[in-house]
């Protein structure tokens, strides 16, 4: 039994394509039984709650993706987060973070969005899902101002040295299908070296499909391909990697005691 620790299951590529129910059913046929679903913004969060009403093994998280941050969305953000999280029986904050590759949103706006997420997660001792692309140093410095936070730096693409520094702060590292790409040596090094109890697997679907589906719509059913590659890199059985990444996801997000529970 595996878990996709990060999938945007409300994405249009799912809802207007094969349909969410079909996507999740296909995943379960492949042994992927549960799904952590970060929101892009609060409208996305509402959509995720509707999905969870019909599928109790989808676990929404509440937050604003850095691509979606704006001055308007930052207004009264702490209260909005509190209102959203109060609707969850498995409270998770995210996705939030910093984006340095694309310049969709000014960095000062991204920081204005990130900081209330960090403060809220710390005060309420909640796990947080962090986006970090070419912003390792800046994100690291923000996290240092909030000691005691726990969560995951998802879709990690930085160096092993940066991964090690986030691990020292207490964070987990999320590995996607990028690890299967031929030239992803940096991600492969990270996947090889993260301690067993701090590694998560994710699709980040519908993006970043692993080999041999690269360039196509990514689906949670492809988690076993990511697990297999990590197992090869670590010289471990795939069943072992599947087991400990599942255990890590359950522990970080508090999923174990909620298996089979469907109330929102």
Protein backbone atom coordinates (compact mmCIF):
# COMPACT_ATOMS: atom_id res chain seq x y z
CA UNK A 1 0.00 0.00 0.00
CA UNK A 2 1.63 3.24 -1.19
CA UNK A 3 0.75 6.90 -0.79
CA UNK A 4 1.14 9.73 -3.27
CA UNK A 5 2.32 12.44 -0.88
CA UNK A 6 1.67 15.30 -3.32
CA UNK A 7 -0.83 15.34 -6.18
CA UNK A 8 -2.96 18.20 -7.49
CA UNK A 9 -5.98 15.97 -7.92
CA UNK A 10 -8.29 18.90 -8.66
CA UNK A 11 -6.23 19.92 -11.72
CA UNK A 12 -8.15 20.48 -14.95
CA UNK A 13 -6.04 17.84 -16.67
CA UNK A 14 -7.76 15.34 -14.38
CA UNK A 15 -11.22 16.83 -13.97
CA UNK A 16 -11.62 17.61 -17.68
CA UNK A 17 -9.73 14.53 -18.83
CA UNK A 18 -10.27 11.00 -17.57
CA UNK A 19 -12.04 12.24 -14.46
CA UNK A 20 -10.87 12.17 -10.86
CA UNK A 21 -12.66 8.92 -10.00
CA UNK A 22 -10.97 7.07 -12.85
CA UNK A 23 -7.56 8.50 -11.96
CA UNK A 24 -7.90 7.38 -8.35
CA UNK A 25 -9.26 3.96 -9.28
CA UNK A 26 -6.31 3.36 -11.62
CA UNK A 27 -3.94 4.38 -8.86
CA UNK A 28 -5.46 1.89 -6.44
CA UNK A 29 -5.10 -0.87 -9.01
CA UNK A 30 -1.38 -0.03 -8.96
CA UNK A 31 -1.26 -0.18 -5.15
CA UNK A 32 -1.42 3.55 -4.45
CA UNK A 33 -4.23 3.85 -1.95
CA UNK A 34 -4.09 7.33 -0.41
CA UNK A 35 -3.38 10.82 -1.70
CA UNK A 36 -2.22 14.06 -0.09
CA UNK A 37 -3.70 16.89 -2.17
CA UNK A 38 -2.27 20.39 -1.63
CA UNK A 39 -4.34 23.34 -2.74
CA UNK A 40 -3.19 26.06 -5.12
CA UNK A 41 -5.43 28.66 -3.47
CA UNK A 42 -8.62 28.67 -1.42
CA UNK A 43 -10.89 28.07 -4.41
CA UNK A 44 -8.80 24.99 -5.14
CA UNK A 45 -9.14 23.98 -1.48
CA UNK A 46 -12.94 24.08 -1.78
CA UNK A 47 -12.71 21.81 -4.84
CA UNK A 48 -10.53 19.38 -2.91
CA UNK A 49 -13.04 19.22 -0.08
CA UNK A 50 -15.72 18.23 -2.58
CA UNK A 51 -13.47 15.46 -3.90
CA UNK A 52 -12.85 14.23 -0.35
CA UNK A 53 -16.59 14.01 0.26
CA UNK A 54 -16.72 11.19 -2.29
CA UNK A 55 -13.26 9.74 -1.61
CA UNK A 56 -12.17 9.80 2.04
CA UNK A 57 -8.62 8.72 1.18
CA UNK A 58 -7.91 12.09 -0.44
CA UNK A 59 -6.39 14.40 2.17
CA UNK A 60 -6.54 18.10 1.23
CA UNK A 61 -4.07 20.69 2.47
CA UNK A 62 -4.89 24.39 2.79
CA UNK A 63 -2.59 27.02 1.35
CA UNK A 64 -1.61 29.31 -1.51
CA UNK A 65 0.97 28.14 -4.04
CA UNK A 66 3.65 30.77 -4.74
CA UNK A 67 2.52 30.90 -8.38
CA UNK A 68 -0.91 31.96 -7.11
CA UNK A 69 0.16 34.45 -4.45
CA UNK A 70 -1.12 38.01 -4.76
CA UNK A 71 -1.54 41.07 -2.58
CA UNK A 72 -5.27 40.41 -2.47
CA UNK A 73 -4.85 36.79 -1.40
CA UNK A 74 -2.39 37.84 1.31
CA UNK A 75 -4.99 40.01 3.02
CA UNK A 76 -6.11 38.48 6.32
CA UNK A 77 -4.31 35.29 5.34
CA UNK A 78 -3.91 33.91 8.87
CA UNK A 79 -7.67 34.06 9.43
CA UNK A 80 -8.33 32.43 6.04
CA UNK A 81 -5.93 29.62 6.87
CA UNK A 82 -7.55 29.08 10.26
CA UNK A 83 -11.00 28.93 8.67
CA UNK A 84 -9.86 26.46 6.00
CA UNK A 85 -7.88 24.18 8.32
CA UNK A 86 -10.79 24.03 10.76
CA UNK A 87 -12.71 22.15 8.06
CA UNK A 88 -10.16 19.32 8.01
CA UNK A 89 -10.03 16.31 10.30
CA UNK A 90 -6.45 15.76 9.06
CA UNK A 91 -5.04 19.31 9.20
CA UNK A 92 -2.22 20.04 6.74
CA UNK A 93 -0.90 23.42 5.56
CA UNK A 94 0.19 23.96 1.97
CA UNK A 95 1.21 24.29 -0.63
CA UNK A 96 3.29 27.38 0.00
CA UNK A 97 6.89 28.31 -0.61
CA UNK A 98 9.09 30.22 -3.02
CA UNK A 99 9.52 30.06 -6.80
CA UNK A 100 12.73 31.36 -8.38
CA UNK A 101 12.65 29.85 -11.86
CA UNK A 102 9.51 31.59 -13.13
CA UNK A 103 8.82 35.23 -12.39
CA UNK A 104 5.02 34.95 -12.29
CA UNK A 105 4.85 36.63 -8.88
CA UNK A 106 7.26 39.21 -7.37
CA UNK A 107 9.40 37.72 -4.62
CA UNK A 108 8.18 40.24 -2.05
CA UNK A 109 4.61 39.04 -2.67
CA UNK A 110 5.69 35.40 -2.41
CA UNK A 111 7.35 36.16 0.92
CA UNK A 112 4.28 38.03 2.15
CA UNK A 113 2.28 34.88 1.41
CA UNK A 114 4.82 32.40 2.77
CA UNK A 115 5.36 33.99 6.16
CA UNK A 116 1.79 33.70 7.50
CA UNK A 117 1.74 30.05 6.41
CA UNK A 118 4.94 29.37 8.37
CA UNK A 119 3.72 31.23 11.45
CA UNK A 120 0.34 29.48 11.39
CA UNK A 121 1.88 26.01 11.00
CA UNK A 122 4.32 26.66 13.82
CA UNK A 123 1.76 28.04 16.27
CA UNK A 124 -0.62 25.12 15.63
CA UNK A 125 2.12 22.47 15.25
CA UNK A 126 0.88 21.43 11.82
CA UNK A 127 2.84 19.83 8.97
CA UNK A 128 3.55 22.16 6.07
CA UNK A 129 4.16 21.43 2.38
CA UNK A 130 6.85 23.66 0.88
CA UNK A 131 7.61 24.54 -2.73
CA UNK A 132 11.26 25.41 -3.41
CA UNK A 133 12.63 26.00 -6.89
CA UNK A 134 15.96 27.79 -7.18
CA UNK A 135 15.23 29.52 -3.87
CA UNK A 136 16.98 27.21 -1.40
CA UNK A 137 18.96 29.90 0.42
CA UNK A 138 16.04 32.29 0.76
CA UNK A 139 13.62 29.58 1.94
CA UNK A 140 16.20 28.19 4.35
CA UNK A 141 16.64 31.57 5.99
CA UNK A 142 12.86 31.97 6.36
CA UNK A 143 12.58 28.54 7.97
CA UNK A 144 15.37 29.31 10.42
CA UNK A 145 13.18 32.11 11.78
CA UNK A 146 10.51 29.54 12.67
CA UNK A 147 12.29 26.80 14.66
CA UNK A 148 10.24 23.73 15.41
CA UNK A 149 8.41 23.62 12.10
CA UNK A 150 7.87 20.22 10.51
CA UNK A 151 6.91 19.32 6.98
CA UNK A 152 8.31 18.46 3.58
CA UNK A 153 10.29 20.32 0.96
CA UNK A 154 8.44 18.71 -1.91
CA UNK A 155 9.64 17.99 -5.46
CA UNK A 156 13.19 18.56 -4.30
CA UNK A 157 15.57 19.51 -7.12
CA UNK A 158 18.40 21.15 -5.19
CA UNK A 159 21.80 19.76 -4.26
CA UNK A 160 22.49 17.15 -1.62
CA UNK A 161 24.13 19.87 0.47
CA UNK A 162 20.91 21.87 0.52
CA UNK A 163 18.84 18.76 1.20
CA UNK A 164 21.10 18.03 4.17
CA UNK A 165 20.54 21.54 5.54
CA UNK A 166 16.74 21.23 5.29
CA UNK A 167 16.97 17.83 6.97
CA UNK A 168 18.90 19.44 9.82
CA UNK A 169 15.97 21.80 10.32
CA UNK A 170 13.72 18.75 10.74
CA UNK A 171 12.12 18.60 7.32
CA UNK A 172 11.39 15.66 5.05
CA UNK A 173 12.36 15.58 1.38
CA UNK A 174 9.88 14.72 -1.39
CA UNK A 175 11.12 12.96 -4.55
CA UNK A 176 9.16 12.97 -7.82
CA UNK A 177 9.43 11.29 -11.19
CA UNK A 178 12.35 13.60 -12.01
CA UNK A 179 14.49 10.97 -10.30
CA UNK A 180 13.88 8.67 -13.30
CA UNK A 181 15.18 11.20 -15.85
CA UNK A 182 18.52 10.27 -17.40
CA UNK A 183 20.27 13.52 -16.54
CA UNK A 184 18.78 14.05 -13.09
CA UNK A 185 22.02 13.18 -11.30
CA UNK A 186 21.50 15.80 -8.61
CA UNK A 187 18.06 14.49 -7.68
CA UNK A 188 19.36 10.92 -7.81
CA UNK A 189 22.13 11.80 -5.37
CA UNK A 190 19.57 13.27 -2.97
CA UNK A 191 17.28 10.23 -3.30
CA UNK A 192 20.24 7.97 -2.55
CA UNK A 193 21.31 9.80 0.59
CA UNK A 194 18.21 11.07 2.42
CA UNK A 195 17.83 9.07 5.66
CA UNK A 196 15.24 6.34 5.36
CA UNK A 197 12.90 7.96 7.88
CA UNK A 198 12.81 11.34 6.11
CA UNK A 199 12.06 10.41 2.49
CA UNK A 200 8.66 10.81 0.78
CA UNK A 201 7.55 9.89 -2.74
CA UNK A 202 5.16 11.96 -4.81
CA UNK A 203 4.00 12.52 -8.36
CA UNK A 204 3.32 16.28 -8.19
CA UNK A 205 0.73 15.24 -10.75
CA UNK A 206 -0.40 16.14 -13.29
CA UNK A 207 3.16 17.38 -13.88
CA UNK A 208 6.56 15.65 -14.14
CA UNK A 209 5.55 12.18 -15.28
CA UNK A 210 8.36 9.65 -14.83
CA UNK A 211 10.04 7.65 -17.56
CA UNK A 212 8.57 6.10 -19.73
CA UNK A 213 5.67 8.59 -19.58
CA UNK A 214 7.73 11.79 -19.56
CA UNK A 215 5.90 14.60 -21.33
CA UNK A 216 2.48 13.07 -20.71
CA UNK A 217 -0.03 13.66 -17.94
CA UNK A 218 1.36 12.38 -14.67
CA UNK A 219 -0.88 10.14 -12.57
CA UNK A 220 -0.72 8.73 -9.04
CA UNK A 221 -0.58 5.23 -10.52
CA UNK A 222 3.03 6.01 -11.51
CA UNK A 223 4.24 6.11 -7.89
CA UNK A 224 5.59 2.52 -8.20
CA UNK A 225 7.93 3.70 -10.99
CA UNK A 226 9.39 6.33 -8.66
CA UNK A 227 9.69 3.80 -5.85
CA UNK A 228 11.44 1.35 -8.17
CA UNK A 229 14.04 3.90 -9.26
CA UNK A 230 14.75 4.98 -5.70
CA UNK A 231 15.13 1.34 -4.72
CA UNK A 232 17.68 0.84 -7.50
CA UNK A 233 19.64 3.89 -6.37
CA UNK A 234 19.65 2.82 -2.73
CA UNK A 235 20.31 -0.86 -3.41
CA UNK A 236 17.15 -1.80 -1.53
CA UNK A 237 14.06 -3.87 -2.37
CA UNK A 238 11.25 -1.83 -3.88
CA UNK A 239 8.88 -3.28 -1.26
CA UNK A 240 11.08 -1.82 1.46
CA UNK A 241 11.11 1.65 -0.12
CA UNK A 242 7.34 1.49 -0.58
CA UNK A 243 6.91 0.52 3.07
CA UNK A 244 9.13 3.15 4.65
CA UNK A 245 7.96 6.03 2.44
CA UNK A 246 4.37 5.08 3.29
CA UNK A 247 5.22 5.01 7.00
CA UNK A 248 6.96 8.39 6.72
CA UNK A 249 3.96 9.98 5.00
CA UNK A 250 1.55 8.56 7.55
CA UNK A 251 3.69 9.81 10.41
CA UNK A 252 4.33 13.31 9.06
CA UNK A 253 0.74 14.06 8.09
CA UNK A 254 -1.03 12.06 10.80
CA UNK A 255 -2.78 9.72 8.37
CA UNK A 256 -2.49 6.40 10.17
CA UNK A 257 -5.23 6.99 12.73
CA UNK A 258 -7.55 8.26 9.99
CA UNK A 259 -7.42 5.24 7.65
CA UNK A 260 -10.98 4.50 6.60
CA UNK A 261 -12.42 7.68 8.09
CA UNK A 262 -14.22 9.92 5.68
CA UNK A 263 -15.64 12.88 7.59
CA UNK A 264 -14.41 16.33 6.66
